[in-house]
C-alpha atoms as a PDB file:
ATOM      1  CA  MET A   1       0.000   0.000   0.000  1.00  0.00           C
ATOM      2  CA  ARG A   2       1.233   3.484  -0.861  1.00  0.00           C
ATOM      3  CA  ASP A   3       1.352   6.389   1.581  1.00  0.00           C
ATOM      4  CA  ILE A   4      -0.607   9.618   0.873  1.00  0.00           C
ATOM      5  CA  ILE A   5      -2.775  10.454  -2.134  1.00  0.00           C
ATOM      6  CA  PHE A   6      -3.110  14.215  -2.731  1.00  0.00           C
ATOM      7  CA  LEU A   7      -6.126  15.591  -4.591  1.00  0.00           C
ATOM      8  CA  VAL A   8      -5.566  19.228  -5.606  1.00  0.00           C
ATOM      9  CA  ALA A   9      -7.721  21.813  -7.343  1.00  0.00           C
ATOM     10  CA  ASP A  10      -5.341  23.368  -9.885  1.00  0.00           C
ATOM     11  CA  GLY A  11      -1.874  23.564 -11.376  1.00  0.00           C
ATOM     12  CA  GLU A  12      -0.589  25.948  -8.731  1.00  0.00           C
ATOM     13  CA  MET A  13      -1.481  23.523  -5.933  1.00  0.00           C
ATOM     14  CA  GLN A  14       0.005  20.680  -7.958  1.00  0.00           C
ATOM     15  CA  ALA A  15       3.264  22.613  -8.314  1.00  0.00           C
ATOM     16  CA  THR A  16       3.270  23.410  -4.593  1.00  0.00           C
ATOM     17  CA  VAL A  17       2.942  19.745  -3.608  1.00  0.00           C
ATOM     18  CA  GLU A  18       5.623  18.792  -6.139  1.00  0.00           C
ATOM     19  CA  GLY A  19       7.880  21.466  -4.676  1.00  0.00           C
ATOM     20  CA  PHE A  20       7.542  20.054  -1.146  1.00  0.00           C
ATOM     21  CA  PHE A  21       8.721  16.639  -2.256  1.00  0.00           C
ATOM     22  CA  ASP A  22      11.307  17.797  -4.781  1.00  0.00           C
ATOM     23  CA  ASN A  23      13.381  18.801  -1.779  1.00  0.00           C
ATOM     24  CA  GLU A  24      15.495  15.775  -0.832  1.00  0.00           C
ATOM     25  CA  ALA A  25      15.231  16.736   2.838  1.00  0.00           C
ATOM     26  CA  PHE A  26      11.425  16.967   2.822  1.00  0.00           C
ATOM     27  CA  ASP A  27      11.133  14.761   5.894  1.00  0.00           C
ATOM     28  CA  GLN A  28      13.426  17.073   7.884  1.00  0.00           C
ATOM     29  CA  ARG A  29      11.549  20.151   6.688  1.00  0.00           C
ATOM     30  CA  LEU A  30       8.174  18.589   7.534  1.00  0.00           C
ATOM     31  CA  GLN A  31       9.618  17.162  10.768  1.00  0.00           C
ATOM     32  CA  CYS A  32       8.220  13.713  10.067  1.00  0.00           C
ATOM     33  CA  ALA A  33       9.457  10.223   9.266  1.00  0.00           C
ATOM     34  CA  ARG A  34      10.342   9.682   5.619  1.00  0.00           C
ATOM     35  CA  PHE A  35       7.674   8.174   3.347  1.00  0.00           C
ATOM     36  CA  GLU A  36       7.343   7.535  -0.374  1.00  0.00           C
ATOM     37  CA  PHE A  37       5.869  10.065  -2.779  1.00  0.00           C
ATOM     38  CA  ASP A  38       5.588   9.810  -6.556  1.00  0.00           C
ATOM     39  CA  THR A  39       3.817  12.470  -8.630  1.00  0.00           C
ATOM     40  CA  LYS A  40       2.388   9.894 -11.033  1.00  0.00           C
ATOM     41  CA  GLN A  41       0.888   7.680  -8.348  1.00  0.00           C
ATOM     42  CA  ASP A  42       0.192  10.020  -5.445  1.00  0.00           C
ATOM     43  CA  LEU A  43      -0.986  13.328  -6.938  1.00  0.00           C
ATOM     44  CA  ILE A  44      -4.225  14.085  -8.801  1.00  0.00           C
ATOM     45  CA  LYS A  45      -5.413  17.419 -10.204  1.00  0.00           C
ATOM     46  CA  HIS A  46      -9.197  17.709 -10.421  1.00  0.00           C
ATOM     47  CA  PRO A  47     -10.335  18.785 -13.913  1.00  0.00           C
ATOM     48  CA  ARG A  48     -13.095  20.974 -12.447  1.00  0.00           C
ATOM     49  CA  LYS A  49     -10.799  22.788 -10.029  1.00  0.00           C
ATOM     50  CA  ASP A  50     -12.079  23.985  -6.629  1.00  0.00           C
ATOM     51  CA  PRO A  51     -15.782  23.233  -7.209  1.00  0.00           C
ATOM     52  CA  GLY A  52     -14.763  19.767  -8.384  1.00  0.00           C
ATOM     53  CA  VAL A  53     -12.755  19.028  -5.233  1.00  0.00           C
ATOM     54  CA  TYR A  54     -15.561  20.360  -3.042  1.00  0.00           C
ATOM     55  CA  ASN A  55     -18.425  18.575  -4.800  1.00  0.00           C
ATOM     56  CA  GLU A  56     -16.795  15.438  -6.207  1.00  0.00           C
ATOM     57  CA  GLY A  57     -13.492  14.929  -4.383  1.00  0.00           C
ATOM     58  CA  HIS A  58     -14.865  12.044  -2.357  1.00  0.00           C
ATOM     59  CA  HIS A  59     -15.866  10.178  -5.521  1.00  0.00           C
ATOM     60  CA  PHE A  60     -12.378  10.688  -6.971  1.00  0.00           C
ATOM     61  CA  LEU A  61     -10.762   9.319  -3.828  1.00  0.00           C
ATOM     62  CA  LYS A  62     -13.075   6.370  -3.185  1.00  0.00           C
ATOM     63  CA  SER A  63     -11.001   4.082  -5.412  1.00  0.00           C
ATOM     64  CA  TYR A  64      -7.852   4.944  -3.434  1.00  0.00           C
ATOM     65  CA  LEU A  65      -9.148   3.514  -0.167  1.00  0.00           C
ATOM     66  CA  GLU A  66      -7.440   0.223  -0.904  1.00  0.00           C
ATOM     67  CA  THR A  67      -4.260   1.618  -2.465  1.00  0.00           C
ATOM     68  CA  HIS A  68      -3.275   4.462  -0.090  1.00  0.00           C
ATOM     69  CA  ARG A  69      -3.103   4.732   3.676  1.00  0.00           C
ATOM     70  CA  TYR A  70      -4.103   8.398   3.765  1.00  0.00           C
ATOM     71  CA  ALA A  71      -5.648  11.137   1.624  1.00  0.00           C
ATOM     72  CA  VAL A  72      -5.272  14.924   1.510  1.00  0.00           C
ATOM     73  CA  LEU A  73      -7.720  17.207  -0.287  1.00  0.00           C
ATOM     74  CA  MET A  74      -6.421  20.704  -1.129  1.00  0.00           C
ATOM     75  CA  VAL A  75      -8.964  23.369  -2.086  1.00  0.00           C
ATOM     76  CA  ASP A  76      -9.277  27.159  -1.988  1.00  0.00           C
ATOM     77  CA  PHE A  77     -12.138  28.331   0.202  1.00  0.00           C
ATOM     78  CA  ASP A  78     -12.627  31.501  -1.869  1.00  0.00           C
ATOM     79  CA  PHE A  79     -14.489  30.270  -4.945  1.00  0.00           C
ATOM     80  CA  ASN A  80     -18.069  31.049  -5.998  1.00  0.00           C
ATOM     81  CA  ASP A  81     -18.146  33.910  -3.442  1.00  0.00           C
ATOM     82  CA  ASN A  82     -17.812  31.465  -0.539  1.00  0.00           C
ATOM     83  CA  LEU A  83     -16.295  34.188   1.615  1.00  0.00           C
ATOM     84  CA  ASP A  84     -19.658  35.958   1.524  1.00  0.00           C
ATOM     85  CA  VAL A  85     -22.137  33.098   1.478  1.00  0.00           C
ATOM     86  CA  MET A  86     -20.633  30.164   3.420  1.00  0.00           C
ATOM     87  CA  ASP A  87     -19.165  29.574   6.847  1.00  0.00           C
ATOM     88  CA  TYR A  88     -15.606  28.204   6.684  1.00  0.00           C
ATOM     89  CA  GLU A  89     -16.197  25.463   9.261  1.00  0.00           C
ATOM     90  CA  ARG A  90     -19.315  24.320   7.455  1.00  0.00           C
ATOM     91  CA  PHE A  91     -17.375  24.225   4.197  1.00  0.00           C
ATOM     92  CA  CYS A  92     -14.765  21.893   5.737  1.00  0.00           C
ATOM     93  CA  ASP A  93     -17.405  19.790   7.499  1.00  0.00           C
ATOM     94  CA  ASP A  94     -19.269  19.268   4.211  1.00  0.00           C
ATOM     95  CA  ILE A  95     -16.164  17.797   2.564  1.00  0.00           C
ATOM     96  CA  LYS A  96     -15.444  15.613   5.590  1.00  0.00           C
ATOM     97  CA  ALA A  97     -19.000  14.257   5.602  1.00  0.00           C
ATOM     98  CA  LYS A  98     -18.719  13.357   1.922  1.00  0.00           C
ATOM     99  CA  MET A  99     -15.423  11.559   2.533  1.00  0.00           C
ATOM    100  CA  ARG A 100     -16.986   9.537   5.355  1.00  0.00           C
ATOM    101  CA  SER A 101     -19.920   8.657   3.107  1.00  0.00           C
ATOM    102  CA  VAL A 102     -17.635   6.748   0.711  1.00  0.00           C
ATOM    103  CA  GLY A 103     -15.769   4.930   3.463  1.00  0.00           C
ATOM    104  CA  TRP A 104     -12.811   7.139   4.414  1.00  0.00           C
ATOM    105  CA  PRO A 105     -12.489   7.182   8.232  1.00  0.00           C
ATOM    106  CA  ASP A 106     -11.593  10.509   9.864  1.00  0.00           C
ATOM    107  CA  GLU A 107      -8.136   9.365  10.917  1.00  0.00           C
ATOM    108  CA  ARG A 108      -7.130   8.607   7.317  1.00  0.00           C
ATOM    109  CA  PHE A 109      -7.795  11.916   5.561  1.00  0.00           C
ATOM    110  CA  PHE A 110      -7.202  15.646   5.935  1.00  0.00           C
ATOM    111  CA  VAL A 111      -9.030  18.570   4.350  1.00  0.00           C
ATOM    112  CA  MET A 112      -6.705  21.491   3.620  1.00  0.00           C
ATOM    113  CA  ALA A 113      -9.158  24.302   2.853  1.00  0.00           C
ATOM    114  CA  ILE A 114      -6.956  27.348   2.244  1.00  0.00           C
ATOM    115  CA  ASN A 115      -8.545  30.550   3.499  1.00  0.00           C
ATOM    116  CA  PRO A 116      -8.965  32.483   1.338  1.00  0.00           C
ATOM    117  CA  GLU A 117      -6.729  31.058  -1.444  1.00  0.00           C
ATOM    118  CA  LEU A 118      -3.349  29.465  -2.172  1.00  0.00           C
ATOM    119  CA  GLU A 119      -1.468  32.760  -2.487  1.00  0.00           C
ATOM    120  CA  VAL A 120      -1.844  33.296   1.260  1.00  0.00           C
ATOM    121  CA  LEU A 121       0.708  30.499   1.812  1.00  0.00           C
ATOM    122  CA  MET A 122       3.341  32.215  -0.301  1.00  0.00           C
ATOM    123  CA  TRP A 123       3.865  35.255   1.906  1.00  0.00           C
ATOM    124  CA  GLN A 124       5.772  35.582   5.171  1.00  0.00           C
ATOM    125  CA  SER A 125       6.348  38.683   7.247  1.00  0.00           C
ATOM    126  CA  ASP A 126      10.079  38.517   6.447  1.00  0.00           C
ATOM    127  CA  THR A 127      10.190  38.710   2.654  1.00  0.00           C
ATOM    128  CA  ARG A 128      13.966  38.236   2.492  1.00  0.00           C
ATOM    129  CA  ARG A 129      13.369  34.495   2.325  1.00  0.00           C
ATOM    130  CA  ILE A 130      11.489  34.733  -0.983  1.00  0.00           C
ATOM    131  CA  GLU A 131      13.058  37.764  -2.689  1.00  0.00           C
ATOM    132  CA  HIS A 132      15.550  35.655  -4.678  1.00  0.00           C
ATOM    133  CA  ILE A 133      12.654  33.756  -6.239  1.00  0.00           C
ATOM    134  CA  PHE A 134      11.212  37.007  -7.609  1.00  0.00           C
ATOM    135  CA  ASP A 135      14.721  38.284  -8.576  1.00  0.00           C
ATOM    136  CA  TYR A 136      14.110  41.296  -6.367  1.00  0.00           C
ATOM    137  CA  LYS A 137      17.245  43.434  -5.947  1.00  0.00           C
ATOM    138  CA  GLY A 138      15.626  46.637  -4.792  1.00  0.00           C
ATOM    139  CA  GLN A 139      15.696  48.938  -1.791  1.00  0.00           C
ATOM    140  CA  PRO A 140      17.137  47.980   1.614  1.00  0.00           C
ATOM    141  CA  GLY A 141      13.673  47.729   3.180  1.00  0.00           C
ATOM    142  CA  GLY A 142      12.984  44.709   1.002  1.00  0.00           C
ATOM    143  CA  LEU A 143      10.004  43.521  -0.979  1.00  0.00           C
ATOM    144  CA  ARG A 144       7.681  44.131   1.941  1.00  0.00           C
ATOM    145  CA  SER A 145       8.480  47.865   1.933  1.00  0.00           C
ATOM    146  CA  TRP A 146       8.153  47.936  -1.860  1.00  0.00           C
ATOM    147  CA  LEU A 147       4.617  46.539  -1.587  1.00  0.00           C
ATOM    148  CA  GLN A 148       3.729  48.838   1.310  1.00  0.00           C
ATOM    149  CA  GLU A 149       4.655  51.851  -0.818  1.00  0.00           C
ATOM    150  CA  ARG A 150       2.143  50.645  -3.411  1.00  0.00           C
ATOM    151  CA  ASN A 151      -0.623  50.152  -0.827  1.00  0.00           C
ATOM    152  CA  LEU A 152      -0.522  46.366  -1.248  1.00  0.00           C
ATOM    153  CA  TRP A 153       0.645  45.554   2.278  1.00  0.00           C
ATOM    154  CA  ASP A 154      -0.782  47.338   5.302  1.00  0.00           C
ATOM    155  CA  GLU A 155       1.922  48.007   7.858  1.00  0.00           C
ATOM    156  CA  GLY A 156       0.112  46.263  10.709  1.00  0.00           C
ATOM    157  CA  LEU A 157      -0.418  42.974   8.848  1.00  0.00           C
ATOM    158  CA  SER A 158       1.907  39.950   8.726  1.00  0.00           C
ATOM    159  CA  LYS A 159       1.216  39.457   4.995  1.00  0.00           C
ATOM    160  CA  PRO A 160      -0.447  41.418   2.156  1.00  0.00           C
ATOM    161  CA  GLN A 161      -4.169  42.022   2.572  1.00  0.00           C
ATOM    162  CA  ASP A 162      -4.666  40.650  -0.965  1.00  0.00           C
ATOM    163  CA  PRO A 163      -1.948  37.998  -1.403  1.00  0.00           C
ATOM    164  CA  LYS A 164      -2.914  37.250  -5.019  1.00  0.00           C
ATOM    165  CA  ALA A 165      -2.791  40.919  -6.068  1.00  0.00           C
ATOM    166  CA  ALA A 166       0.631  41.249  -4.436  1.00  0.00           C
ATOM    167  CA  ILE A 167       2.050  38.293  -6.371  1.00  0.00           C
ATOM    168  CA  ASP A 168       0.526  39.578  -9.622  1.00  0.00           C
ATOM    169  CA  LYS A 169       2.092  43.002  -9.036  1.00  0.00           C
ATOM    170  CA  VAL A 170       5.516  41.487  -8.433  1.00  0.00           C
ATOM    171  CA  ARG A 171       5.222  39.202 -11.467  1.00  0.00           C
ATOM    172  CA  GLY A 172       4.456  42.243 -13.591  1.00  0.00           C
ATOM    173  CA  GLN A 173       7.872  43.785 -12.917  1.00  0.00           C
ATOM    174  CA  SER A 174      10.869  43.380 -15.211  1.00  0.00           C
ATOM    175  CA  TRP A 175      12.977  41.576 -12.624  1.00  0.00           C
ATOM    176  CA  GLY A 176      14.753  38.676 -14.252  1.00  0.00           C
ATOM    177  CA  ARG A 177      12.911  36.109 -16.332  1.00  0.00           C
ATOM    178  CA  LYS A 178       9.117  36.222 -16.095  1.00  0.00           C
ATOM    179  CA  LYS A 179       7.744  33.315 -14.063  1.00  0.00           C
ATOM    180  CA  THR A 180       4.351  31.628 -13.987  1.00  0.00           C
ATOM    181  CA  HIS A 181       2.397  31.301 -10.776  1.00  0.00           C
ATOM    182  CA  SER A 182       3.145  27.570 -10.757  1.00  0.00           C
ATOM    183  CA  GLN A 183       6.894  28.141 -11.096  1.00  0.00           C
ATOM    184  CA  ILE A 184       6.833  30.602  -8.200  1.00  0.00           C
ATOM    185  CA  PHE A 185       4.800  28.312  -5.944  1.00  0.00           C
ATOM    186  CA  LYS A 186       6.958  25.287  -6.714  1.00  0.00           C
ATOM    187  CA  ARG A 187      10.203  27.107  -5.903  1.00  0.00           C
ATOM    188  CA  ILE A 188       8.841  28.594  -2.684  1.00  0.00           C
ATOM    189  CA  ALA A 189       7.567  25.184  -1.551  1.00  0.00           C
ATOM    190  CA  LYS A 190      10.924  23.577  -2.378  1.00  0.00           C
ATOM    191  CA  GLU A 191      13.342  26.234  -1.123  1.00  0.00           C
ATOM    192  CA  VAL A 192      11.745  28.420   1.560  1.00  0.00           C
ATOM    193  CA  SER A 193      11.468  27.493   5.233  1.00  0.00           C
ATOM    194  CA  PHE A 194       7.946  26.872   6.543  1.00  0.00           C
ATOM    195  CA  ARG A 195       8.755  28.271   9.957  1.00  0.00           C
ATOM    196  CA  GLY A 196       7.338  31.700   9.173  1.00  0.00           C
ATOM    197  CA  CYS A 197       4.043  30.389   7.819  1.00  0.00           C
ATOM    198  CA  GLU A 198       1.094  31.368   9.995  1.00  0.00           C
ATOM    199  CA  ASP A 199      -1.668  29.876   7.869  1.00  0.00           C
ATOM    200  CA  GLU A 200      -3.899  27.596   9.924  1.00  0.00           C
ATOM    201  CA  SER A 201      -4.708  25.181   7.105  1.00  0.00           C
ATOM    202  CA  PHE A 202      -1.058  24.651   6.138  1.00  0.00           C
ATOM    203  CA  ASN A 203       0.098  24.229   9.720  1.00  0.00           C
ATOM    204  CA  GLY A 204      -2.772  21.809  10.224  1.00  0.00           C
ATOM    205  CA  LEU A 205      -1.514  19.730   7.304  1.00  0.00           C
ATOM    206  CA  LEU A 206       2.019  19.689   8.734  1.00  0.00           C
ATOM    207  CA  GLN A 207       0.700  18.524  12.089  1.00  0.00           C
ATOM    208  CA  GLN A 208      -1.399  15.808  10.435  1.00  0.00           C
ATOM    209  CA  ILE A 209       1.534  14.470   8.408  1.00  0.00           C
ATOM    210  CA  GLN A 210       3.645  14.488  11.579  1.00  0.00           C
ATOM    211  CA  ALA A 211       0.923  12.455  13.316  1.00  0.00           C
ATOM    212  CA  TRP A 212       0.708   9.982  10.431  1.00  0.00           C
ATOM    213  CA  TYR A 213       4.490   9.688  10.135  1.00  0.00           C
ATOM    214  CA  PRO A 214       6.060  10.613  13.477  1.00  0.00           C
ATOM    215  CA  GLN A 215       9.782  11.191  13.606  1.00  0.00           C
ATOM    216  CA  GLU A 216      11.799   8.186  14.699  1.00  0.00           C
ATOM    217  CA  TRP A 217      14.574   8.777  17.192  1.00  0.00           C
ATOM    218  CA  ALA A 218      17.502   6.414  17.468  1.00  0.00           C
END
């Protein structure tokens, strides 16, 4: 039996998961015991993106009950105006109920509902860790100050108030070779420390993987 099957909503999430495991020291970074991961066997991108994961993810994963020990569903909460019309906890509970309905017990799956969307994971209060990925060689105050000057990062916040708009603004600059969102996410996931991440859904996933694969001490 294989280890974890990941069901993701789009190419950016796919690249992020690939980035985690492209790092040879992924087990040290995740602070867990080492396990096997193969993009061809353990990673699925839903063709209908976030609505597909939310509405049909359980059907996609039913056939993996016998092939994988665990399952992770990754979905952005902010689709179809969910921020305005749906409670976040109810959103997560709906997916969990659907997973149970096809036979996945609670202890074998995790719902990573990113609130509001994937870009929130890319930003940390100390932007020096990611500036090389954007080829930023600007002012001493760093990329954070650059964004604050353009009203894209309120001074009192630990990350931009609109993480997606901030990434789009940076991508629009003529700093080095232009990169796709997926390329940026993959490099950040592979190269940047997770220690500064304050996102509840991502930290929840780390804790779940650590529980599934606890570190072994000699």
